[in-house]
């Protein structure tokens, strides 16, 4: 009986995964509180780059 439902299940899973990816791409910065710019020297969180020895 499962051989009848696997195409529907595969399509629904694909739609769900694509929907989650699109949601993360659209609302990711708000949900994860990430930034999309580099810190400048005036920012309070700025740390100068370390020297590689």
N, C-alpha and C. Protein backbone atom coordinates (compact mmCIF):
# COMPACT_ATOMS: atom_id res chain seq x y z
N UNK A 1 0.81 -1.19 0.00
CA UNK A 1 0.00 0.00 0.00
C UNK A 1 0.86 1.26 0.00
N UNK A 2 2.07 1.23 0.59
CA UNK A 2 2.92 2.41 0.65
C UNK A 2 3.44 2.82 -0.73
N UNK A 3 3.50 1.88 -1.66
CA UNK A 3 4.01 2.22 -2.99
C UNK A 3 3.10 3.21 -3.71
N UNK A 4 1.87 3.35 -3.26
CA UNK A 4 0.94 4.29 -3.87
C UNK A 4 1.20 5.71 -3.37
N UNK A 5 1.63 5.87 -2.12
CA UNK A 5 1.73 7.18 -1.49
C UNK A 5 3.11 7.81 -1.56
N UNK A 6 4.14 7.10 -2.00
CA UNK A 6 5.48 7.69 -1.95
C UNK A 6 5.64 8.90 -2.85
N UNK A 7 5.03 9.00 -4.03
CA UNK A 7 5.20 10.23 -4.82
C UNK A 7 4.59 11.45 -4.11
N UNK A 8 3.43 11.27 -3.49
CA UNK A 8 2.79 12.37 -2.77
C UNK A 8 3.65 12.78 -1.58
N UNK A 9 4.16 11.82 -0.86
CA UNK A 9 5.00 12.11 0.30
C UNK A 9 6.28 12.81 -0.14
N UNK A 10 6.87 12.37 -1.24
CA UNK A 10 8.10 13.02 -1.74
C UNK A 10 7.83 14.46 -2.15
N UNK A 11 6.72 14.72 -2.82
CA UNK A 11 6.38 16.08 -3.24
C UNK A 11 6.10 16.98 -2.03
N UNK A 12 5.36 16.48 -1.07
CA UNK A 12 5.08 17.28 0.12
C UNK A 12 6.34 17.57 0.92
N UNK A 13 7.23 16.61 1.00
CA UNK A 13 8.49 16.82 1.70
C UNK A 13 9.33 17.87 0.98
N UNK A 14 9.38 17.80 -0.34
CA UNK A 14 10.13 18.77 -1.11
C UNK A 14 9.57 20.18 -0.93
N UNK A 15 8.26 20.31 -0.96
CA UNK A 15 7.62 21.61 -0.76
C UNK A 15 7.91 22.13 0.64
N UNK A 16 7.87 21.26 1.64
CA UNK A 16 8.15 21.66 3.01
C UNK A 16 9.59 22.14 3.16
N UNK A 17 10.53 21.40 2.59
CA UNK A 17 11.94 21.77 2.71
C UNK A 17 12.21 23.08 1.99
N UNK A 18 11.67 23.25 0.78
CA UNK A 18 11.86 24.50 0.04
C UNK A 18 11.22 25.66 0.80
N UNK A 19 10.07 25.45 1.40
CA UNK A 19 9.42 26.49 2.18
C UNK A 19 10.24 26.91 3.38
N UNK A 20 10.82 25.95 4.07
CA UNK A 20 11.67 26.26 5.22
C UNK A 20 12.91 27.04 4.77
N UNK A 21 13.51 26.63 3.67
CA UNK A 21 14.69 27.33 3.16
C UNK A 21 14.34 28.77 2.78
N UNK A 22 13.21 28.95 2.10
CA UNK A 22 12.80 30.30 1.71
C UNK A 22 12.50 31.16 2.93
N UNK A 23 11.89 30.57 3.95
CA UNK A 23 11.60 31.31 5.17
C UNK A 23 12.89 31.73 5.87
N UNK A 24 13.86 30.84 5.93
CA UNK A 24 15.14 31.17 6.56
C UNK A 24 15.85 32.27 5.78
N UNK A 25 15.81 32.19 4.44
CA UNK A 25 16.46 33.23 3.64
C UNK A 25 15.78 34.58 3.81
N UNK A 26 14.46 34.59 3.94
CA UNK A 26 13.74 35.85 4.04
C UNK A 26 13.81 36.44 5.45
N UNK A 27 13.59 35.64 6.47
CA UNK A 27 13.49 36.13 7.84
C UNK A 27 14.67 35.74 8.71
N UNK A 28 15.71 35.17 8.14
CA UNK A 28 16.86 34.69 8.91
C UNK A 28 17.51 35.73 9.79
N UNK A 29 17.80 36.93 9.25
CA UNK A 29 18.43 37.94 10.10
C UNK A 29 17.58 38.33 11.30
N UNK A 30 16.27 38.37 11.14
CA UNK A 30 15.39 38.72 12.26
C UNK A 30 15.31 37.57 13.26
N UNK A 31 15.25 36.34 12.76
CA UNK A 31 15.11 35.19 13.65
C UNK A 31 16.40 34.89 14.39
N UNK A 32 17.52 34.98 13.69
CA UNK A 32 18.81 34.59 14.28
C UNK A 32 19.58 35.77 14.83
N UNK A 33 19.06 37.00 14.62
CA UNK A 33 19.72 38.22 15.07
C UNK A 33 21.15 38.31 14.55
N UNK A 34 21.32 38.09 13.25
CA UNK A 34 22.63 38.19 12.62
C UNK A 34 22.78 39.56 11.99
N UNK A 35 24.00 39.89 11.65
CA UNK A 35 24.27 41.17 10.99
C UNK A 35 24.80 40.89 9.60
N UNK A 36 24.63 41.85 8.69
CA UNK A 36 25.07 41.66 7.31
C UNK A 36 26.08 42.72 6.90
N UNK A 37 26.82 43.24 7.85
CA UNK A 37 27.84 44.23 7.56
C UNK A 37 29.00 44.00 8.51
N UNK A 38 30.17 44.44 8.09
CA UNK A 38 31.35 44.29 8.92
C UNK A 38 31.36 45.38 9.98
N UNK A 39 31.96 45.09 11.11
CA UNK A 39 32.11 46.10 12.15
C UNK A 39 33.09 47.17 11.67
N UNK A 40 32.79 48.41 11.97
CA UNK A 40 33.73 49.49 11.70
C UNK A 40 34.48 49.80 12.99
N UNK A 41 35.49 50.63 12.86
CA UNK A 41 36.31 50.95 14.04
C UNK A 41 35.50 51.70 15.11
N UNK A 42 34.42 52.34 14.71
CA UNK A 42 33.61 53.09 15.67
C UNK A 42 32.66 52.19 16.47
N UNK A 43 32.43 50.97 16.00
CA UNK A 43 31.52 50.07 16.71
C UNK A 43 32.13 49.61 18.03
N UNK A 44 31.27 49.39 19.01
CA UNK A 44 31.76 48.98 20.33
C UNK A 44 32.27 47.54 20.32
N UNK A 45 31.86 46.72 19.35
CA UNK A 45 32.29 45.31 19.31
C UNK A 45 33.51 45.09 18.42
N UNK A 46 34.08 46.17 17.89
CA UNK A 46 35.20 46.03 16.97
C UNK A 46 36.42 45.49 17.69
N UNK A 47 37.06 44.50 17.08
CA UNK A 47 38.32 43.98 17.57
C UNK A 47 39.30 43.98 16.40
N UNK A 48 40.48 44.54 16.58
CA UNK A 48 41.44 44.55 15.47
C UNK A 48 41.85 43.12 15.12
N UNK A 49 42.18 42.87 13.86
CA UNK A 49 42.57 41.51 13.47
C UNK A 49 43.87 41.10 14.17
N UNK A 50 43.95 39.82 14.47
CA UNK A 50 45.14 39.29 15.12
C UNK A 50 46.22 39.01 14.09
N UNK A 51 47.47 39.10 14.54
CA UNK A 51 48.59 38.77 13.65
C UNK A 51 48.76 37.26 13.61
N UNK A 52 48.99 36.74 12.43
CA UNK A 52 49.25 35.31 12.27
C UNK A 52 50.74 35.09 12.32
N UNK A 53 51.16 34.27 13.26
CA UNK A 53 52.60 34.04 13.46
C UNK A 53 53.03 32.84 12.65
